[in-house]
Protein backbone atom coordinates (compact mmCIF):
# COMPACT_ATOMS: atom_id res chain seq x y z
CA UNK A 1 0.00 0.00 0.00
CA UNK A 2 1.23 3.44 -0.87
CA UNK A 3 1.69 5.30 2.46
CA UNK A 4 0.84 8.56 0.73
CA UNK A 5 -2.57 7.29 -0.41
CA UNK A 6 -5.15 9.41 1.48
CA UNK A 7 -7.83 6.75 1.04
CA UNK A 8 -6.19 3.36 1.56
CA UNK A 9 -8.34 0.33 0.92
CA UNK A 10 -9.64 -1.73 3.83
CA UNK A 11 -7.48 -4.75 4.60
CA UNK A 12 -9.00 -7.89 3.12
CA UNK A 13 -6.98 -10.16 5.42
CA UNK A 14 -8.31 -9.81 8.96
CA UNK A 15 -7.34 -11.76 12.05
CA UNK A 16 -10.59 -13.68 11.56
CA UNK A 17 -9.40 -14.64 8.09
CA UNK A 18 -6.14 -15.99 9.51
CA UNK A 19 -7.98 -18.04 12.10
CA UNK A 20 -10.24 -19.36 9.35
CA UNK A 21 -7.17 -20.43 7.41
CA UNK A 22 -5.89 -22.27 10.46
CA UNK A 23 -9.22 -24.03 10.92
CA UNK A 24 -9.73 -24.98 7.27
CA UNK A 25 -6.16 -25.51 6.20
CA UNK A 26 -5.38 -29.06 7.23
CA UNK A 27 -1.77 -28.14 6.46
CA UNK A 28 0.27 -27.61 9.62
CA UNK A 29 2.60 -25.19 7.86
CA UNK A 30 -0.27 -23.06 6.55
CA UNK A 31 -2.00 -23.11 9.92
CA UNK A 32 1.15 -22.18 11.83
CA UNK A 33 1.92 -19.33 9.42
CA UNK A 34 -1.64 -18.05 9.75
CA UNK A 35 -1.40 -17.95 13.52
CA UNK A 36 2.17 -16.67 13.82
CA UNK A 37 1.30 -13.00 13.39
CA UNK A 38 -1.56 -13.37 15.86
CA UNK A 39 0.71 -15.03 18.38
CA UNK A 40 3.35 -12.32 18.06
CA UNK A 41 0.85 -9.63 19.10
CA UNK A 42 -1.25 -11.48 21.66
CA UNK A 43 1.08 -13.80 23.55
CA UNK A 44 2.35 -11.21 26.02
CA UNK A 45 -1.06 -9.68 26.92
CA UNK A 46 -2.43 -13.21 27.39
CA UNK A 47 0.57 -14.28 29.48
CA UNK A 48 0.13 -11.29 31.77
CA UNK A 49 -3.60 -11.93 31.93
CA UNK A 50 -2.90 -15.45 33.22
CA UNK A 51 -0.40 -14.08 35.74
CA UNK A 52 -2.93 -11.55 37.03
CA UNK A 53 -5.41 -14.39 37.43
CA UNK A 54 -3.01 -15.91 39.94
CA UNK A 55 -0.99 -18.39 37.88
CA UNK A 56 2.72 -18.84 38.49
CA UNK A 57 5.12 -17.83 35.69
CA UNK A 58 5.77 -21.38 34.52
CA UNK A 59 2.05 -22.19 34.55
CA UNK A 60 1.17 -18.98 32.70
CA UNK A 61 3.77 -19.88 30.07
CA UNK A 62 2.30 -23.35 29.68
CA UNK A 63 -1.21 -21.92 29.52
CA UNK A 64 -0.38 -19.58 26.66
CA UNK A 65 1.44 -22.28 24.71
CA UNK A 66 -1.39 -24.71 25.32
CA UNK A 67 -3.96 -22.12 24.29
CA UNK A 68 -2.26 -21.42 20.97
CA UNK A 69 -1.81 -25.13 20.33
CA UNK A 70 -5.56 -25.33 21.00
CA UNK A 71 -6.16 -22.60 18.38
CA UNK A 72 -3.78 -24.26 15.94
CA UNK A 73 -5.81 -27.44 16.17
CA UNK A 74 -8.97 -25.45 15.37
CA UNK A 75 -10.68 -26.45 18.59
CA UNK A 76 -13.54 -24.18 19.51
CA UNK A 77 -13.10 -21.96 16.45
CA UNK A 78 -15.61 -23.44 14.05
CA UNK A 79 -18.56 -22.11 16.03
CA UNK A 80 -17.11 -18.68 16.76
CA UNK A 81 -19.66 -15.90 16.27
CA UNK A 82 -17.68 -13.48 14.12
CA UNK A 83 -20.59 -11.06 14.08
CA UNK A 84 -19.43 -9.95 17.51
CA UNK A 85 -16.65 -8.35 15.56
CA UNK A 86 -13.83 -7.73 18.03
CA UNK A 87 -10.96 -10.18 17.77
CA UNK A 88 -9.52 -8.67 20.96
CA UNK A 89 -12.63 -9.70 22.88
CA UNK A 90 -12.66 -13.12 21.25
CA UNK A 91 -9.07 -13.82 22.24
CA UNK A 92 -9.66 -12.81 25.84
CA UNK A 93 -12.88 -14.82 26.11
CA UNK A 94 -11.34 -17.86 24.44
CA UNK A 95 -8.32 -17.71 26.76
CA UNK A 96 -10.54 -17.41 29.84
CA UNK A 97 -12.59 -20.38 28.65
CA UNK A 98 -9.45 -22.40 27.96
CA UNK A 99 -8.09 -21.63 31.42
CA UNK A 100 -11.36 -22.74 33.04
CA UNK A 101 -11.91 -25.90 31.01
CA UNK A 102 -9.14 -27.23 28.76
CA UNK A 103 -6.40 -26.61 31.32
CA UNK A 104 -8.15 -28.82 33.85
CA UNK A 105 -8.33 -31.70 31.37
CA UNK A 106 -4.92 -31.33 29.80
CA UNK A 107 -3.26 -30.25 33.09
CA UNK A 108 0.00 -29.12 31.53
CA UNK A 109 1.07 -28.54 27.94
CA UNK A 110 4.60 -29.77 27.40
CA UNK A 111 6.84 -26.75 26.94
CA UNK A 112 7.65 -26.05 23.33
CA UNK A 113 5.20 -26.85 20.55
CA UNK A 114 3.90 -23.84 18.65
CA UNK A 115 5.85 -21.26 20.65
CA UNK A 116 9.14 -22.97 19.84
CA UNK A 117 8.78 -21.69 16.28
CA UNK A 118 8.99 -18.09 17.47
CA UNK A 119 11.46 -15.98 19.38
CA UNK A 120 9.74 -15.52 22.74
CA UNK A 121 11.23 -13.92 25.83
CA UNK A 122 8.89 -15.05 28.59
CA UNK A 123 10.91 -13.15 31.19
CA UNK A 124 10.25 -9.94 29.31
CA UNK A 125 6.53 -10.41 29.93
CA UNK A 126 7.23 -10.36 33.68
CA UNK A 127 8.67 -6.84 33.55
CA UNK A 128 6.38 -4.35 35.24
CA UNK A 129 4.00 -6.91 36.71
CA UNK A 130 5.34 -6.43 40.22
CA UNK A 131 4.57 -2.72 40.02
CA UNK A 132 0.96 -3.27 38.97
CA UNK A 133 -0.36 -5.54 41.70
CA UNK A 134 -2.07 -2.70 43.55
CA UNK A 135 -3.05 -0.52 40.61
CA UNK A 136 -6.73 -1.43 40.87
CA UNK A 137 -7.14 -2.70 37.31
CA UNK A 138 -9.06 -5.91 36.74
CA UNK A 139 -7.25 -8.52 34.64
CA UNK A 140 -9.67 -7.78 31.79
CA UNK A 141 -8.98 -4.02 31.85
CA UNK A 142 -5.26 -4.66 32.07
CA UNK A 143 -5.53 -6.96 29.05
CA UNK A 144 -7.08 -4.14 27.01
CA UNK A 145 -4.18 -1.87 27.90
CA UNK A 146 -1.59 -4.50 27.06
CA UNK A 147 -3.40 -5.31 23.81
CA UNK A 148 -3.21 -1.61 22.93
CA UNK A 149 0.50 -1.47 23.73
CA UNK A 150 1.21 -4.64 21.75
CA UNK A 151 -0.77 -3.38 18.76
CA UNK A 152 1.09 -0.06 18.70
CA UNK A 153 4.41 -1.88 19.04
CA UNK A 154 3.52 -4.04 16.04
CA UNK A 155 2.68 -0.94 14.01
CA UNK A 156 6.09 0.54 14.82
CA UNK A 157 7.85 -2.70 13.89
CA UNK A 158 5.99 -2.85 10.60
CA UNK A 159 6.88 0.76 9.77
CA UNK A 160 10.53 0.08 10.60
CA UNK A 161 10.50 -2.84 8.16
CA UNK A 162 8.72 -0.93 5.40
CA UNK A 163 10.37 2.49 5.65
CA UNK A 164 14.15 2.60 5.28
CA UNK A 165 14.71 5.75 7.34
CA UNK A 166 11.98 5.18 9.93
CA UNK A 167 14.45 4.51 12.75
CA UNK A 168 15.87 8.01 12.39
CA UNK A 169 12.42 9.63 12.48
CA UNK A 170 10.67 7.41 15.06
CA UNK A 171 11.78 9.41 18.16
CA UNK A 172 9.84 12.43 16.88
CA UNK A 173 6.53 10.56 16.89
CA UNK A 174 6.25 10.78 20.68
CA UNK A 175 7.14 14.47 20.91
CA UNK A 176 4.61 17.27 21.10
CA UNK A 177 4.88 20.17 18.70
CA UNK A 178 6.60 22.31 21.33
CA UNK A 179 9.22 19.61 21.97
CA UNK A 180 10.25 19.00 18.39
CA UNK A 181 13.89 20.11 17.90
CA UNK A 182 13.55 21.51 14.40
CA UNK A 183 17.04 23.01 14.36
CA UNK A 184 18.50 19.60 15.18
CA UNK A 185 16.31 17.93 12.56
CA UNK A 186 17.36 20.43 9.89
CA UNK A 187 21.03 19.78 10.60
CA UNK A 188 20.55 16.03 10.81
CA UNK A 189 18.54 15.57 7.63
CA UNK A 190 19.77 18.53 5.62
CA UNK A 191 16.39 20.18 5.16
CA UNK A 192 14.63 23.44 5.90
CA UNK A 193 12.43 23.83 8.98
CA UNK A 194 9.34 23.92 6.80
CA UNK A 195 10.38 20.65 5.15
CA UNK A 196 10.99 19.10 8.59
CA UNK A 197 7.51 20.15 9.73
CA UNK A 198 5.97 18.61 6.64
CA UNK A 199 7.97 15.40 7.12
CA UNK A 200 6.82 15.03 10.74
CA UNK A 201 3.22 15.75 9.76
CA UNK A 202 3.33 13.05 7.07
CA UNK A 203 5.04 10.61 9.43
CA UNK A 204 2.28 11.04 12.00
CA UNK A 205 -0.39 10.74 9.34
CA UNK A 206 1.11 7.43 8.15
CA UNK A 207 1.35 6.23 11.74
CA UNK A 208 -2.29 7.04 12.49
CA UNK A 209 -3.40 5.29 9.33
CA UNK A 210 -1.29 2.25 10.17
CA UNK A 211 -2.93 2.08 13.60
CA UNK A 212 -6.38 2.28 12.01
CA UNK A 213 -5.46 -0.41 9.49
CA UNK A 214 -4.11 -2.72 12.19
CA UNK A 215 -7.26 -2.26 14.25
CA UNK A 216 -9.32 -2.91 11.12
CA UNK A 217 -7.58 -6.28 10.86
CA UNK A 218 -9.15 -7.27 14.19
CA UNK A 219 -12.71 -6.44 13.12
CA UNK A 220 -15.25 -7.90 10.74
CA UNK A 221 -17.11 -4.62 10.35
CA UNK A 222 -15.05 -1.60 9.30
CA UNK A 223 -17.69 0.69 10.81
CA UNK A 224 -16.42 -0.38 14.24
CA UNK A 225 -12.91 0.99 13.70
CA UNK A 226 -13.56 4.39 15.30
CA UNK A 227 -15.14 2.77 18.34
CA UNK A 228 -12.23 0.37 18.74
CA UNK A 229 -9.80 3.26 18.35
CA UNK A 230 -11.50 4.93 21.31
CA UNK A 231 -11.13 1.73 23.34
CA UNK A 232 -7.43 1.60 22.49
CA UNK A 233 -6.64 5.17 23.49
CA UNK A 234 -8.89 4.99 26.54
CA UNK A 235 -6.96 1.93 27.72
CA UNK A 236 -3.66 3.74 27.21
CA UNK A 237 -4.92 6.92 28.89
CA UNK A 238 -5.37 5.05 32.20
CA UNK A 239 -1.59 5.09 32.58
CA UNK A 240 -1.69 8.86 32.81
CA UNK A 241 -4.80 9.33 34.97
């Protein structure tokens, strides 16, 4: 997609589509590939959700791996009501159901399996948890915040892969207009202040569109994007309230 396109087309491949591919595929490679991008965004929020529900680190790790193996096998997905629209809500509900039911029957998923195909730092998911025990958030509310953080992190990773000079410009995304060091930017990139202002404006416009597109991937109905955007930024705003 051309990042300068003011009216980008709606993504045809949603998270629901990927899950459908995993369910219908019958090919382990196809199924694993379909779920890999989902896993990369959702594993950490789900791990922390399990931890906040009282599970020890090793059990939370096994739960997440078992849950994704459960998804990979297509269990429980064929009857999913996609009309509910929000993949975020589906993942949380499916994980809660798995924790309540499948975990009791399976007891413990052998470490490895699906997650072995990815680079996962389980210890990284522990960072910050000790500081949040008394913050008053329910595990569900905390999941929404961590989903928002993971989604934004994915957007930044994707932009870094797609835009050659993104790493040099990324620090300016988080700065307010008053904080932007235009003199430094002019010297660094060899441009006028007006050109630097335009470049930052376009960068932020691309970033906002990327966020919208990524959220759109989690929905069946594109009319829900604005509402889900409000959920995302409301979840993030709790950190500053």
